[in-house]
C-alpha atoms as a PDB file:
ATOM      1  CA  MET A   1      25.241  18.599   0.152  1.00  0.00           C
ATOM      2  CA  THR A   2      22.841  15.650   0.203  1.00  0.00           C
ATOM      3  CA  THR A   3      19.699  16.075   2.259  1.00  0.00           C
ATOM      4  CA  ALA A   4      18.108  13.250   4.245  1.00  0.00           C
ATOM      5  CA  ASP A   5      15.076  13.275   1.939  1.00  0.00           C
ATOM      6  CA  GLY A   6      17.338  13.137  -1.097  1.00  0.00           C
ATOM      7  CA  SER A   7      19.224  10.199   0.392  1.00  0.00           C
ATOM      8  CA  HIS A   8      15.985   8.333   1.075  1.00  0.00           C
ATOM      9  CA  ARG A   9      14.825   8.929  -2.500  1.00  0.00           C
ATOM     10  CA  ALA A  10      18.134   7.678  -3.858  1.00  0.00           C
ATOM     11  CA  ASP A  11      17.955   4.585  -1.659  1.00  0.00           C
ATOM     12  CA  GLY A  12      14.405   3.930  -2.844  1.00  0.00           C
ATOM     13  CA  TRP A  13      15.386   4.320  -6.485  1.00  0.00           C
ATOM     14  CA  THR A  14      18.360   1.974  -6.021  1.00  0.00           C
ATOM     15  CA  ALA A  15      16.178  -0.632  -4.333  1.00  0.00           C
ATOM     16  CA  ALA A  16      13.625  -0.406  -7.136  1.00  0.00           C
ATOM     17  CA  VAL A  17      16.317  -0.906  -9.779  1.00  0.00           C
ATOM     18  CA  ARG A  18      17.689  -3.915  -7.915  1.00  0.00           C
ATOM     19  CA  GLN A  19      14.199  -5.382  -7.661  1.00  0.00           C
ATOM     20  CA  ARG A  20      13.647  -4.956 -11.397  1.00  0.00           C
ATOM     21  CA  LEU A  21      17.001  -6.408 -12.384  1.00  0.00           C
ATOM     22  CA  GLY A  22      16.508  -9.251  -9.931  1.00  0.00           C
ATOM     23  CA  LEU A  23      13.437 -10.444 -11.798  1.00  0.00           C
ATOM     24  CA  GLY A  24      15.559 -11.675 -14.685  1.00  0.00           C
ATOM     25  CA  ARG A  25      13.881 -12.266 -18.015  1.00  0.00           C
ATOM     26  CA  LEU A  26      10.096 -11.901 -18.213  1.00  0.00           C
ATOM     27  CA  LEU A  27       9.023 -15.263 -19.619  1.00  0.00           C
ATOM     28  CA  PRO A  28       5.763 -16.021 -21.437  1.00  0.00           C
ATOM     29  CA  LEU A  29       3.228 -18.178 -19.612  1.00  0.00           C
ATOM     30  CA  GLY A  30       1.168 -20.255 -22.027  1.00  0.00           C
ATOM     31  CA  GLY A  31       0.750 -19.020 -25.599  1.00  0.00           C
ATOM     32  CA  PRO A  32       0.183 -15.775 -27.525  1.00  0.00           C
ATOM     33  CA  ALA A  33      -3.481 -15.544 -26.492  1.00  0.00           C
ATOM     34  CA  ASP A  34      -2.847 -15.976 -22.754  1.00  0.00           C
ATOM     35  CA  GLY A  35      -1.462 -12.490 -22.078  1.00  0.00           C
ATOM     36  CA  ALA A  36       0.596 -13.724 -19.131  1.00  0.00           C
ATOM     37  CA  TRP A  37       4.259 -13.543 -18.145  1.00  0.00           C
ATOM     38  CA  ILE A  38       6.350 -14.693 -15.195  1.00  0.00           C
ATOM     39  CA  SER A  39       9.715 -13.480 -13.971  1.00  0.00           C
ATOM     40  CA  GLU A  40      12.630 -15.824 -14.567  1.00  0.00           C
ATOM     41  CA  ARG A  41      13.502 -15.536 -10.866  1.00  0.00           C
ATOM     42  CA  ALA A  42      10.074 -16.815  -9.837  1.00  0.00           C
ATOM     43  CA  ALA A  43      10.105 -19.630 -12.389  1.00  0.00           C
ATOM     44  CA  VAL A  44      13.617 -20.772 -11.444  1.00  0.00           C
ATOM     45  CA  ALA A  45      12.707 -20.851  -7.737  1.00  0.00           C
ATOM     46  CA  VAL A  46       9.728 -23.124  -8.446  1.00  0.00           C
ATOM     47  CA  LEU A  47      11.796 -25.436 -10.646  1.00  0.00           C
ATOM     48  CA  ARG A  48      14.517 -25.725  -8.008  1.00  0.00           C
ATOM     49  CA  ARG A  49      11.997 -26.589  -5.294  1.00  0.00           C
ATOM     50  CA  ALA A  50      10.408 -29.188  -7.560  1.00  0.00           C
ATOM     51  CA  VAL A  51      13.748 -30.828  -8.382  1.00  0.00           C
ATOM     52  CA  ARG A  52      14.726 -30.969  -4.694  1.00  0.00           C
ATOM     53  CA  GLY A  53      11.435 -32.648  -3.884  1.00  0.00           C
ATOM     54  CA  SER A  54      11.484 -35.094  -6.792  1.00  0.00           C
ATOM     55  CA  GLY A  55      14.429 -37.194  -5.678  1.00  0.00           C
ATOM     56  CA  ALA A  56      15.797 -37.032  -9.215  1.00  0.00           C
ATOM     57  CA  GLY A  57      19.352 -37.595  -7.963  1.00  0.00           C
ATOM     58  CA  PRO A  58      21.561 -35.025  -9.727  1.00  0.00           C
ATOM     59  CA  VAL A  59      22.327 -31.700  -8.085  1.00  0.00           C
ATOM     60  CA  LEU A  60      20.988 -28.789 -10.101  1.00  0.00           C
ATOM     61  CA  GLY A  61      23.471 -25.960 -10.677  1.00  0.00           C
ATOM     62  CA  GLU A  62      22.969 -22.843 -12.771  1.00  0.00           C
ATOM     63  CA  LEU A  63      19.572 -22.535 -14.428  1.00  0.00           C
ATOM     64  CA  ARG A  64      18.479 -20.118 -17.140  1.00  0.00           C
ATOM     65  CA  ILE A  65      15.314 -19.938 -19.250  1.00  0.00           C
ATOM     66  CA  ALA A  66      14.838 -18.185 -22.587  1.00  0.00           C
ATOM     67  CA  VAL A  67      12.753 -18.386 -25.746  1.00  0.00           C
ATOM     68  CA  ALA A  68      14.100 -21.266 -27.848  1.00  0.00           C
ATOM     69  CA  ASP A  69      13.697 -19.484 -31.203  1.00  0.00           C
ATOM     70  CA  PRO A  70      13.145 -15.739 -30.709  1.00  0.00           C
ATOM     71  CA  GLY A  71      12.965 -15.109 -34.455  1.00  0.00           C
ATOM     72  CA  SER A  72       9.847 -17.226 -34.880  1.00  0.00           C
ATOM     73  CA  ALA A  73       8.060 -16.222 -31.669  1.00  0.00           C
ATOM     74  CA  PRO A  74       4.653 -14.677 -32.479  1.00  0.00           C
ATOM     75  CA  VAL A  75       3.522 -11.231 -31.437  1.00  0.00           C
ATOM     76  CA  PRO A  76       1.429 -11.441 -28.231  1.00  0.00           C
ATOM     77  CA  GLN A  77      -2.248 -10.573 -28.514  1.00  0.00           C
ATOM     78  CA  VAL A  78      -2.022  -8.339 -25.419  1.00  0.00           C
ATOM     79  CA  PRO A  79       0.645  -5.611 -24.987  1.00  0.00           C
ATOM     80  CA  PRO A  80       3.441  -7.207 -22.916  1.00  0.00           C
ATOM     81  CA  PRO A  81       5.239  -5.765 -19.874  1.00  0.00           C
ATOM     82  CA  PRO A  82       8.356  -3.721 -20.658  1.00  0.00           C
ATOM     83  CA  SER A  83      11.172  -5.885 -22.121  1.00  0.00           C
ATOM     84  CA  ALA A  84       9.115  -9.084 -21.826  1.00  0.00           C
ATOM     85  CA  LEU A  85       9.916 -11.957 -24.175  1.00  0.00           C
ATOM     86  CA  ARG A  86       7.542 -12.902 -26.973  1.00  0.00           C
ATOM     87  CA  PRO A  87       5.380 -15.978 -26.244  1.00  0.00           C
ATOM     88  CA  GLY A  88       7.312 -18.714 -28.031  1.00  0.00           C
ATOM     89  CA  PRO A  89       8.370 -22.173 -26.774  1.00  0.00           C
ATOM     90  CA  LEU A  90      11.148 -21.970 -24.198  1.00  0.00           C
ATOM     91  CA  ARG A  91      14.543 -23.570 -23.687  1.00  0.00           C
ATOM     92  CA  ILE A  92      15.867 -24.427 -20.236  1.00  0.00           C
ATOM     93  CA  GLU A  93      19.660 -24.434 -19.902  1.00  0.00           C
ATOM     94  CA  ALA A  94      21.102 -25.924 -16.731  1.00  0.00           C
ATOM     95  CA  THR A  95      24.250 -27.378 -15.253  1.00  0.00           C
ATOM     96  CA  MET A  96      24.231 -30.454 -13.042  1.00  0.00           C
ATOM     97  CA  ALA A  97      26.487 -32.417 -10.730  1.00  0.00           C
ATOM     98  CA  ALA A  98      25.966 -36.193 -10.726  1.00  0.00           C
ATOM     99  CA  THR A  99      27.056 -39.018  -8.441  1.00  0.00           C
ATOM    100  CA  ALA A 100      28.962 -42.091  -9.577  1.00  0.00           C
ATOM    101  CA  ASP A 101      26.222 -44.486  -8.449  1.00  0.00           C
ATOM    102  CA  GLN A 102      23.933 -43.491 -11.335  1.00  0.00           C
ATOM    103  CA  PRO A 103      24.792 -43.573 -15.066  1.00  0.00           C
ATOM    104  CA  LEU A 104      25.024 -40.072 -16.501  1.00  0.00           C
ATOM    105  CA  PRO A 105      22.333 -40.631 -19.191  1.00  0.00           C
ATOM    106  CA  ALA A 106      19.899 -41.858 -16.537  1.00  0.00           C
ATOM    107  CA  ALA A 107      20.738 -38.967 -14.210  1.00  0.00           C
ATOM    108  CA  ALA A 108      20.260 -36.428 -16.980  1.00  0.00           C
ATOM    109  CA  ALA A 109      16.978 -38.044 -18.042  1.00  0.00           C
ATOM    110  CA  ALA A 110      15.647 -37.916 -14.474  1.00  0.00           C
ATOM    111  CA  LEU A 111      16.549 -34.254 -14.085  1.00  0.00           C
ATOM    112  CA  ARG A 112      15.144 -33.358 -17.500  1.00  0.00           C
ATOM    113  CA  SER A 113      11.863 -35.114 -16.647  1.00  0.00           C
ATOM    114  CA  ALA A 114      11.604 -33.301 -13.291  1.00  0.00           C
ATOM    115  CA  LEU A 115      12.178 -29.922 -14.933  1.00  0.00           C
ATOM    116  CA  LEU A 116       9.681 -30.521 -17.733  1.00  0.00           C
ATOM    117  CA  SER A 117       7.010 -31.791 -15.337  1.00  0.00           C
ATOM    118  CA  ALA A 118       7.386 -28.859 -12.935  1.00  0.00           C
ATOM    119  CA  ALA A 119       7.440 -26.307 -15.751  1.00  0.00           C
ATOM    120  CA  ALA A 120       4.168 -27.611 -17.178  1.00  0.00           C
ATOM    121  CA  ARG A 121       2.251 -28.681 -14.062  1.00  0.00           C
ATOM    122  CA  ARG A 122       3.272 -26.008 -11.559  1.00  0.00           C
ATOM    123  CA  LEU A 123       3.759 -23.008 -13.825  1.00  0.00           C
ATOM    124  CA  GLY A 124       2.296 -23.448 -17.304  1.00  0.00           C
ATOM    125  CA  LEU A 125       5.526 -22.820 -19.201  1.00  0.00           C
ATOM    126  CA  VAL A 126       5.709 -24.216 -22.740  1.00  0.00           C
ATOM    127  CA  VAL A 127       9.171 -25.804 -22.850  1.00  0.00           C
ATOM    128  CA  ALA A 128      10.538 -27.167 -26.113  1.00  0.00           C
ATOM    129  CA  GLU A 129      14.102 -28.004 -25.029  1.00  0.00           C
ATOM    130  CA  VAL A 130      16.069 -28.819 -21.893  1.00  0.00           C
ATOM    131  CA  ASP A 131      19.830 -28.493 -22.385  1.00  0.00           C
ATOM    132  CA  LEU A 132      21.827 -30.061 -19.533  1.00  0.00           C
ATOM    133  CA  GLN A 133      25.581 -29.873 -19.017  1.00  0.00           C
ATOM    134  CA  VAL A 134      27.381 -32.072 -16.488  1.00  0.00           C
ATOM    135  CA  THR A 135      29.967 -29.951 -14.697  1.00  0.00           C
ATOM    136  CA  GLU A 136      30.986 -32.160 -11.759  1.00  0.00           C
ATOM    137  CA  LEU A 137      31.006 -35.760 -10.507  1.00  0.00           C
ATOM    138  CA  LEU A 138      30.347 -36.197  -6.790  1.00  0.00           C
ATOM    139  CA  ASP A 139      30.994 -39.071  -4.389  1.00  0.00           C
ATOM    140  CA  THR A 140      27.802 -38.309  -2.460  1.00  0.00           C
ATOM    141  CA  VAL A 141      24.939 -35.878  -2.799  1.00  0.00           C
ATOM    142  CA  PRO A 142      25.649 -32.885  -0.515  1.00  0.00           C
ATOM    143  CA  GLU A 143      23.146 -31.427   1.913  1.00  0.00           C
ATOM    144  CA  LEU A 144      21.966 -28.201   0.330  1.00  0.00           C
ATOM    145  CA  ALA A 145      20.649 -25.327   2.419  1.00  0.00           C
ATOM    146  CA  GLU A 146      17.241 -23.998   1.440  1.00  0.00           C
ATOM    147  CA  PRO A 147      17.761 -20.528  -0.072  1.00  0.00           C
ATOM    148  CA  PRO A 148      15.675 -17.742   1.472  1.00  0.00           C
ATOM    149  CA  PRO A 149      12.767 -16.568  -0.661  1.00  0.00           C
ATOM    150  CA  PRO A 150      13.447 -13.313  -2.508  1.00  0.00           C
ATOM    151  CA  GLU A 151      11.669 -10.275  -1.160  1.00  0.00           C
ATOM    152  CA  VAL A 152       9.091  -8.642  -3.403  1.00  0.00           C
ATOM    153  CA  ARG A 153       7.329  -5.342  -2.869  1.00  0.00           C
ATOM    154  CA  THR A 154       3.699  -5.987  -2.033  1.00  0.00           C
ATOM    155  CA  ALA A 155       0.843  -3.651  -2.870  1.00  0.00           C
ATOM    156  CA  LYS A 156      -2.626  -3.171  -1.449  1.00  0.00           C
ATOM    157  CA  PRO A 157      -5.445  -3.769  -3.931  1.00  0.00           C
ATOM    158  CA  GLU A 158      -6.885  -0.460  -5.104  1.00  0.00           C
ATOM    159  CA  GLY A 159      -9.587   0.319  -7.616  1.00  0.00           C
ATOM    160  CA  ALA A 160     -11.874  -2.108  -9.388  1.00  0.00           C
ATOM    161  CA  ALA A 161      -9.027  -3.890 -11.188  1.00  0.00           C
ATOM    162  CA  GLY A 162      -6.878  -4.372  -8.095  1.00  0.00           C
ATOM    163  CA  GLU A 163      -9.737  -5.574  -5.937  1.00  0.00           C
ATOM    164  CA  ALA A 164     -10.945  -7.986  -8.605  1.00  0.00           C
ATOM    165  CA  ALA A 165      -7.450  -9.437  -9.051  1.00  0.00           C
ATOM    166  CA  ALA A 166      -6.854  -9.841  -5.320  1.00  0.00           C
ATOM    167  CA  ARG A 167     -10.059 -11.881  -4.922  1.00  0.00           C
ATOM    168  CA  VAL A 168      -9.028 -14.531  -7.466  1.00  0.00           C
ATOM    169  CA  PRO A 169      -8.144 -17.869  -5.822  1.00  0.00           C
ATOM    170  CA  GLY A 170      -4.419 -18.496  -6.024  1.00  0.00           C
ATOM    171  CA  VAL A 171      -3.392 -14.819  -5.827  1.00  0.00           C
ATOM    172  CA  ALA A 172      -1.083 -14.433  -2.831  1.00  0.00           C
ATOM    173  CA  THR A 173      -0.717 -10.660  -3.122  1.00  0.00           C
ATOM    174  CA  LEU A 174      -0.448  -7.881  -5.632  1.00  0.00           C
ATOM    175  CA  THR A 175       3.119  -6.637  -6.146  1.00  0.00           C
ATOM    176  CA  ARG A 176       4.796  -3.462  -7.402  1.00  0.00           C
ATOM    177  CA  VAL A 177       8.191  -4.138  -8.938  1.00  0.00           C
ATOM    178  CA  LEU A 178       7.808  -2.573 -12.383  1.00  0.00           C
ATOM    179  CA  GLY A 179       5.567   0.154 -11.028  1.00  0.00           C
ATOM    180  CA  PRO A 180       2.025   0.223  -9.622  1.00  0.00           C
ATOM    181  CA  ALA A 181       0.366  -3.161  -9.132  1.00  0.00           C
ATOM    182  CA  VAL A 182      -2.270  -2.089 -11.656  1.00  0.00           C
ATOM    183  CA  HIS A 183      -0.997  -0.180 -14.681  1.00  0.00           C
ATOM    184  CA  THR A 184      -3.730   1.302 -16.862  1.00  0.00           C
ATOM    185  CA  ASP A 185      -2.844   2.262 -20.427  1.00  0.00           C
ATOM    186  CA  ALA A 186      -4.972   3.546 -23.277  1.00  0.00           C
ATOM    187  CA  ASP A 187      -5.458   0.096 -24.795  1.00  0.00           C
ATOM    188  CA  HIS A 188      -4.966  -2.384 -21.931  1.00  0.00           C
ATOM    189  CA  VAL A 189      -4.521  -2.989 -18.198  1.00  0.00           C
ATOM    190  CA  ARG A 190      -1.505  -4.751 -16.668  1.00  0.00           C
ATOM    191  CA  VAL A 191      -1.687  -6.436 -13.266  1.00  0.00           C
ATOM    192  CA  GLU A 192       1.396  -7.464 -11.305  1.00  0.00           C
ATOM    193  CA  LEU A 193       1.072 -10.138  -8.626  1.00  0.00           C
ATOM    194  CA  ALA A 194       2.445 -13.134  -6.746  1.00  0.00           C
ATOM    195  CA  THR A 195       0.691 -16.502  -6.913  1.00  0.00           C
ATOM    196  CA  GLU A 196       0.329 -19.226  -4.296  1.00  0.00           C
ATOM    197  CA  GLY A 197       2.458 -22.322  -4.785  1.00  0.00           C
ATOM    198  CA  GLY A 198      -0.517 -24.674  -4.641  1.00  0.00           C
ATOM    199  CA  HIS A 199      -1.984 -23.171  -7.821  1.00  0.00           C
ATOM    200  CA  ARG A 200      -0.593 -23.349 -11.351  1.00  0.00           C
ATOM    201  CA  ALA A 201       0.589 -19.851 -12.224  1.00  0.00           C
ATOM    202  CA  LEU A 202      -0.939 -19.867 -15.717  1.00  0.00           C
ATOM    203  CA  ASP A 203      -4.371 -20.855 -14.406  1.00  0.00           C
ATOM    204  CA  VAL A 204      -4.279 -18.040 -11.855  1.00  0.00           C
ATOM    205  CA  ALA A 205      -3.193 -15.539 -14.507  1.00  0.00           C
ATOM    206  CA  ARG A 206      -6.028 -16.568 -16.819  1.00  0.00           C
ATOM    207  CA  ALA A 207      -8.561 -16.191 -14.010  1.00  0.00           C
ATOM    208  CA  VAL A 208      -7.165 -12.763 -13.089  1.00  0.00           C
ATOM    209  CA  ARG A 209      -7.391 -11.591 -16.701  1.00  0.00           C
ATOM    210  CA  SER A 210     -11.046 -12.605 -16.867  1.00  0.00           C
ATOM    211  CA  ALA A 211     -11.935 -11.076 -13.488  1.00  0.00           C
ATOM    212  CA  VAL A 212     -10.203  -7.772 -14.181  1.00  0.00           C
ATOM    213  CA  ALA A 213     -11.644  -7.433 -17.694  1.00  0.00           C
ATOM    214  CA  GLN A 214     -15.139  -7.882 -16.282  1.00  0.00           C
ATOM    215  CA  ALA A 215     -14.541  -5.418 -13.452  1.00  0.00           C
ATOM    216  CA  VAL A 216     -13.144  -2.540 -15.531  1.00  0.00           C
ATOM    217  CA  ASP A 217     -15.348  -0.296 -17.666  1.00  0.00           C
ATOM    218  CA  GLY A 218     -15.038  -1.139 -21.333  1.00  0.00           C
ATOM    219  CA  HIS A 219     -13.670  -4.632 -20.601  1.00  0.00           C
ATOM    220  CA  PRO A 220     -10.127  -3.861 -21.860  1.00  0.00           C
ATOM    221  CA  PRO A 221      -7.477  -6.487 -22.680  1.00  0.00           C
ATOM    222  CA  VAL A 222      -5.550  -7.485 -19.559  1.00  0.00           C
ATOM    223  CA  ALA A 223      -1.934  -8.578 -19.194  1.00  0.00           C
ATOM    224  CA  VAL A 224      -0.679 -10.341 -16.060  1.00  0.00           C
ATOM    225  CA  LEU A 225       2.883 -10.435 -14.730  1.00  0.00           C
ATOM    226  CA  VAL A 226       3.704 -12.986 -12.017  1.00  0.00           C
ATOM    227  CA  THR A 227       6.711 -11.712 -10.070  1.00  0.00           C
ATOM    228  CA  ALA A 228       6.823 -14.414  -7.373  1.00  0.00           C
ATOM    229  CA  VAL A 229       5.363 -17.793  -6.425  1.00  0.00           C
ATOM    230  CA  THR A 230       4.972 -18.523  -2.725  1.00  0.00           C
ATOM    231  CA  GLU A 231       5.877 -21.882  -1.246  1.00  0.00           C
ATOM    232  CA  GLU A 232       3.008 -24.310  -0.766  1.00  0.00           C
ATOM    233  CA  SER A 233       3.834 -24.949   2.880  1.00  0.00           C
ATOM    234  CA  ALA A 234       3.776 -21.264   3.794  1.00  0.00           C
ATOM    235  CA  PRO A 235       0.690 -19.247   4.781  1.00  0.00           C
ATOM    236  CA  SER A 236      -0.944 -17.378   1.934  1.00  0.00           C
ATOM    237  CA  GLY A 237       1.194 -14.428   0.912  1.00  0.00           C
ATOM    238  CA  ALA A 238       3.869 -15.100   3.533  1.00  0.00           C
ATOM    239  CA  ALA A 239       6.764 -16.518   1.507  1.00  0.00           C
ATOM    240  CA  GLY A 240       8.655 -14.637  -1.122  1.00  0.00           C
ATOM    241  CA  VAL A 241       6.852 -11.343  -0.518  1.00  0.00           C
ATOM    242  CA  SER A 242       7.209  -8.607   2.062  1.00  0.00           C
ATOM    243  CA  GLN A 243       5.835  -5.209   2.849  1.00  0.00           C
ATOM    244  CA  ALA A 244       8.040  -2.448   1.467  1.00  0.00           C
END
């Protein structure tokens, strides 16, 4: 017989697993010395918003991001989050639908430029390759509905590390998808958070690493995981995150 408490615990565990799987790959932000990662889900959402706002022309379909050459990716200088990718240059793989009024090479070039610009300027991803595949030719560009932002478990800042991280400009909220917002290990501290869309994610992560290292006794190495990026038009912390 299943008790009510047991059912609630099972539901909570299932929700936590779905949240973790929903993050996708944990992608490196910057280089080996930056100690920062971002969820593929968060990065893809930012890239899609940027492409929609760029007027590039083609319709972006499936989008995946991975390390371009995993075998040559260096070991990070800070212990990474569980299952995170090593900090090597990335490859973006995407499908696209184009219209007949624009030559395919020009359409692909416009989309590739929009993706590269957003990856560098809005996130801080080091992208070496953009692989595009045309899957459909359209008569007109369809009206696409704006997808709802994914929900992310928020966390209140606790302790010196959490409070220091929450005060950094560009931090929308601390989050708790992999576990506590602040994970303290013997040799490092990991902070999980969402950033505001008006700030480049890598810059925020670097500032959080510095603030947390200064606030914690012994000044340990700090790793940062960005699990969500809020939309620029939304109030701070209001888009893409929710109280659990």
